[in-house]
Amino acid sequence: MPESDTQGTGDCFEAAYKFLTARGLGAPGRYTLVHGNVAKLSQGHCVNHAWVEEGDIVHEVSKGRHLQFIKSDYYELHGVKNVRQYSHEEALMASLRTRHYGPWDEIERDSECTA
């Protein structure tokens, strides 16, 4: 099992990955893991974040919650930028390759919210 991401203070990467793997096995293509930069969470500054999308629905599952948003509303509300999407298979392969829940590539880790 992958180790937790130690770069952030929340559990969003682990929670979103686990949500995807729990739900995605029986429904390939239905859920997408998304990593991106959000400017407007509760922290007051831009951070890397992870969530799961199911069509036009966003599942926000960090910190033990399960909130659902309309995708366009979520992106506007949180100032989402620099999005990277992963299928169930891509997420599994990335977590096995890196041995953690994300972010998985240099572009994700180094992206600025102004991009």
C-alpha atoms as a PDB file:
ATOM      1  CA  MET A   1       0.000   0.000   0.000  1.00  0.00           C
ATOM      2  CA  PRO A   2       1.329   3.490  -0.819  1.00  0.00           C
ATOM      3  CA  GLU A   3       2.551   5.771   1.901  1.00  0.00           C
ATOM      4  CA  SER A   4       0.750   9.004   2.706  1.00  0.00           C
ATOM      5  CA  ASP A   5       1.772  12.237   1.024  1.00  0.00           C
ATOM      6  CA  THR A   6       3.966  14.170   3.440  1.00  0.00           C
ATOM      7  CA  GLN A   7       4.072  17.428   1.498  1.00  0.00           C
ATOM      8  CA  GLY A   8       0.727  18.803   2.649  1.00  0.00           C
ATOM      9  CA  THR A   9      -1.103  19.138   5.910  1.00  0.00           C
ATOM     10  CA  GLY A  10      -4.361  17.499   4.821  1.00  0.00           C
ATOM     11  CA  ASP A  11      -5.331  14.040   3.673  1.00  0.00           C
ATOM     12  CA  CYS A  12      -6.862  14.926   0.304  1.00  0.00           C
ATOM     13  CA  PHE A  13      -4.493  12.868  -1.866  1.00  0.00           C
ATOM     14  CA  GLU A  14      -4.920   9.746   0.248  1.00  0.00           C
ATOM     15  CA  ALA A  15      -8.681  10.197   0.692  1.00  0.00           C
ATOM     16  CA  ALA A  16      -9.343  10.855  -3.008  1.00  0.00           C
ATOM     17  CA  TYR A  17      -7.176   7.897  -4.059  1.00  0.00           C
ATOM     18  CA  LYS A  18      -8.961   5.559  -1.643  1.00  0.00           C
ATOM     19  CA  PHE A  19     -12.378   6.827  -2.764  1.00  0.00           C
ATOM     20  CA  LEU A  20     -11.425   6.197  -6.406  1.00  0.00           C
ATOM     21  CA  THR A  21     -10.070   2.718  -5.778  1.00  0.00           C
ATOM     22  CA  ALA A  22     -13.036   1.690  -3.617  1.00  0.00           C
ATOM     23  CA  ARG A  23     -15.621   2.871  -6.147  1.00  0.00           C
ATOM     24  CA  GLY A  24     -13.698   2.571  -9.394  1.00  0.00           C
ATOM     25  CA  LEU A  25     -13.146  -1.180  -9.440  1.00  0.00           C
ATOM     26  CA  GLY A  26     -16.756  -1.965 -10.281  1.00  0.00           C
ATOM     27  CA  ALA A  27     -17.243   1.020 -12.573  1.00  0.00           C
ATOM     28  CA  PRO A  28     -14.258   1.564 -14.883  1.00  0.00           C
ATOM     29  CA  GLY A  29     -14.374   4.983 -16.490  1.00  0.00           C
ATOM     30  CA  ARG A  30     -17.073   6.322 -14.174  1.00  0.00           C
ATOM     31  CA  TYR A  31     -14.734   8.085 -11.735  1.00  0.00           C
ATOM     32  CA  THR A  32     -11.657  10.219 -12.394  1.00  0.00           C
ATOM     33  CA  LEU A  33      -9.040  11.172  -9.829  1.00  0.00           C
ATOM     34  CA  VAL A  34      -8.097  14.833 -10.202  1.00  0.00           C
ATOM     35  CA  HIS A  35      -5.042  16.681  -8.889  1.00  0.00           C
ATOM     36  CA  GLY A  36      -4.880  20.431  -9.216  1.00  0.00           C
ATOM     37  CA  ASN A  37      -4.115  23.735  -7.565  1.00  0.00           C
ATOM     38  CA  VAL A  38      -6.824  25.420  -5.561  1.00  0.00           C
ATOM     39  CA  ALA A  39      -6.552  29.012  -4.458  1.00  0.00           C
ATOM     40  CA  LYS A  40      -9.603  29.267  -2.238  1.00  0.00           C
ATOM     41  CA  LEU A  41      -9.849  26.551   0.384  1.00  0.00           C
ATOM     42  CA  SER A  42      -9.733  27.427   4.066  1.00  0.00           C
ATOM     43  CA  GLN A  43      -5.958  27.980   4.101  1.00  0.00           C
ATOM     44  CA  GLY A  44      -5.939  31.392   2.407  1.00  0.00           C
ATOM     45  CA  HIS A  45      -3.211  30.502  -0.103  1.00  0.00           C
ATOM     46  CA  CYS A  46      -2.785  28.254  -3.139  1.00  0.00           C
ATOM     47  CA  VAL A  47      -2.225  24.553  -2.456  1.00  0.00           C
ATOM     48  CA  ASN A  48      -2.044  21.260  -4.317  1.00  0.00           C
ATOM     49  CA  HIS A  49      -5.303  19.385  -3.847  1.00  0.00           C
ATOM     50  CA  ALA A  50      -7.021  16.164  -4.913  1.00  0.00           C
ATOM     51  CA  TRP A  51     -10.653  15.230  -5.496  1.00  0.00           C
ATOM     52  CA  VAL A  52     -12.696  12.755  -7.549  1.00  0.00           C
ATOM     53  CA  GLU A  53     -14.982  13.571 -10.448  1.00  0.00           C
ATOM     54  CA  GLU A  54     -17.950  11.580 -11.649  1.00  0.00           C
ATOM     55  CA  GLY A  55     -19.043  13.302 -14.830  1.00  0.00           C
ATOM     56  CA  ASP A  56     -20.152  16.799 -13.802  1.00  0.00           C
ATOM     57  CA  ILE A  57     -20.104  15.958 -10.068  1.00  0.00           C
ATOM     58  CA  VAL A  58     -17.101  16.590  -7.809  1.00  0.00           C
ATOM     59  CA  HIS A  59     -16.645  14.379  -4.750  1.00  0.00           C
ATOM     60  CA  GLU A  60     -14.673  16.280  -2.082  1.00  0.00           C
ATOM     61  CA  VAL A  61     -13.628  13.582   0.366  1.00  0.00           C
ATOM     62  CA  SER A  62     -10.815  15.086   2.435  1.00  0.00           C
ATOM     63  CA  LYS A  63     -10.865  15.334   6.223  1.00  0.00           C
ATOM     64  CA  GLY A  64     -13.438  12.563   6.603  1.00  0.00           C
ATOM     65  CA  ARG A  65     -16.094  14.431   4.644  1.00  0.00           C
ATOM     66  CA  HIS A  66     -18.002  13.507   1.524  1.00  0.00           C
ATOM     67  CA  LEU A  67     -19.293  16.680  -0.060  1.00  0.00           C
ATOM     68  CA  GLN A  68     -20.642  16.852  -3.592  1.00  0.00           C
ATOM     69  CA  PHE A  69     -20.508  19.849  -5.921  1.00  0.00           C
ATOM     70  CA  ILE A  70     -21.440  20.664  -9.489  1.00  0.00           C
ATOM     71  CA  LYS A  71     -18.060  20.637 -11.243  1.00  0.00           C
ATOM     72  CA  SER A  72     -18.286  24.167 -12.693  1.00  0.00           C
ATOM     73  CA  ASP A  73     -19.338  25.572  -9.304  1.00  0.00           C
ATOM     74  CA  TYR A  74     -16.498  23.766  -7.516  1.00  0.00           C
ATOM     75  CA  TYR A  75     -13.887  25.051  -9.974  1.00  0.00           C
ATOM     76  CA  GLU A  76     -15.150  28.615  -9.669  1.00  0.00           C
ATOM     77  CA  LEU A  77     -15.621  28.502  -5.881  1.00  0.00           C
ATOM     78  CA  HIS A  78     -12.116  27.161  -5.240  1.00  0.00           C
ATOM     79  CA  GLY A  79     -10.177  28.851  -8.051  1.00  0.00           C
ATOM     80  CA  VAL A  80      -9.046  25.548  -9.561  1.00  0.00           C
ATOM     81  CA  LYS A  81      -6.008  25.681 -11.876  1.00  0.00           C
ATOM     82  CA  ASN A  82      -3.467  23.264 -13.404  1.00  0.00           C
ATOM     83  CA  VAL A  83      -5.683  20.190 -13.430  1.00  0.00           C
ATOM     84  CA  ARG A  84      -4.273  16.703 -14.023  1.00  0.00           C
ATOM     85  CA  GLN A  85      -6.764  13.838 -14.425  1.00  0.00           C
ATOM     86  CA  TYR A  86      -6.117  10.140 -13.788  1.00  0.00           C
ATOM     87  CA  SER A  87      -8.198   7.124 -14.713  1.00  0.00           C
ATOM     88  CA  HIS A  88      -8.471   4.318 -12.165  1.00  0.00           C
ATOM     89  CA  GLU A  89      -5.685   2.399 -13.924  1.00  0.00           C
ATOM     90  CA  GLU A  90      -3.431   5.466 -14.265  1.00  0.00           C
ATOM     91  CA  ALA A  91      -3.856   6.295 -10.566  1.00  0.00           C
ATOM     92  CA  LEU A  92      -3.043   2.739  -9.542  1.00  0.00           C
ATOM     93  CA  MET A  93       0.088   2.675 -11.691  1.00  0.00           C
ATOM     94  CA  ALA A  94       1.265   6.100 -10.459  1.00  0.00           C
ATOM     95  CA  SER A  95       0.779   5.137  -6.802  1.00  0.00           C
ATOM     96  CA  LEU A  96       2.681   1.880  -7.286  1.00  0.00           C
ATOM     97  CA  ARG A  97       5.493   3.650  -9.166  1.00  0.00           C
ATOM     98  CA  THR A  98       5.941   6.418  -6.589  1.00  0.00           C
ATOM     99  CA  ARG A  99       4.786   4.598  -3.428  1.00  0.00           C
ATOM    100  CA  HIS A 100       2.534   7.442  -2.320  1.00  0.00           C
ATOM    101  CA  TYR A 101      -0.877   8.966  -3.050  1.00  0.00           C
ATOM    102  CA  GLY A 102       0.307  12.091  -4.891  1.00  0.00           C
ATOM    103  CA  PRO A 103       1.068  14.524  -6.249  1.00  0.00           C
ATOM    104  CA  TRP A 104       2.867  12.270  -8.713  1.00  0.00           C
ATOM    105  CA  ASP A 105       4.775  14.397 -11.140  1.00  0.00           C
ATOM    106  CA  GLU A 106       7.016  17.431 -11.000  1.00  0.00           C
ATOM    107  CA  ILE A 107       4.588  19.645 -12.883  1.00  0.00           C
ATOM    108  CA  GLU A 108       1.875  19.018 -10.277  1.00  0.00           C
ATOM    109  CA  ARG A 109       4.176  19.690  -7.348  1.00  0.00           C
ATOM    110  CA  ASP A 110       5.716  22.842  -8.824  1.00  0.00           C
ATOM    111  CA  SER A 111       2.661  24.447 -10.467  1.00  0.00           C
ATOM    112  CA  GLU A 112       1.767  27.977  -9.500  1.00  0.00           C
ATOM    113  CA  CYS A 113      -1.851  28.969  -9.022  1.00  0.00           C
ATOM    114  CA  THR A 114      -1.377  31.845 -11.424  1.00  0.00           C
ATOM    115  CA  ALA A 115      -0.690  29.573 -14.409  1.00  0.00           C
END
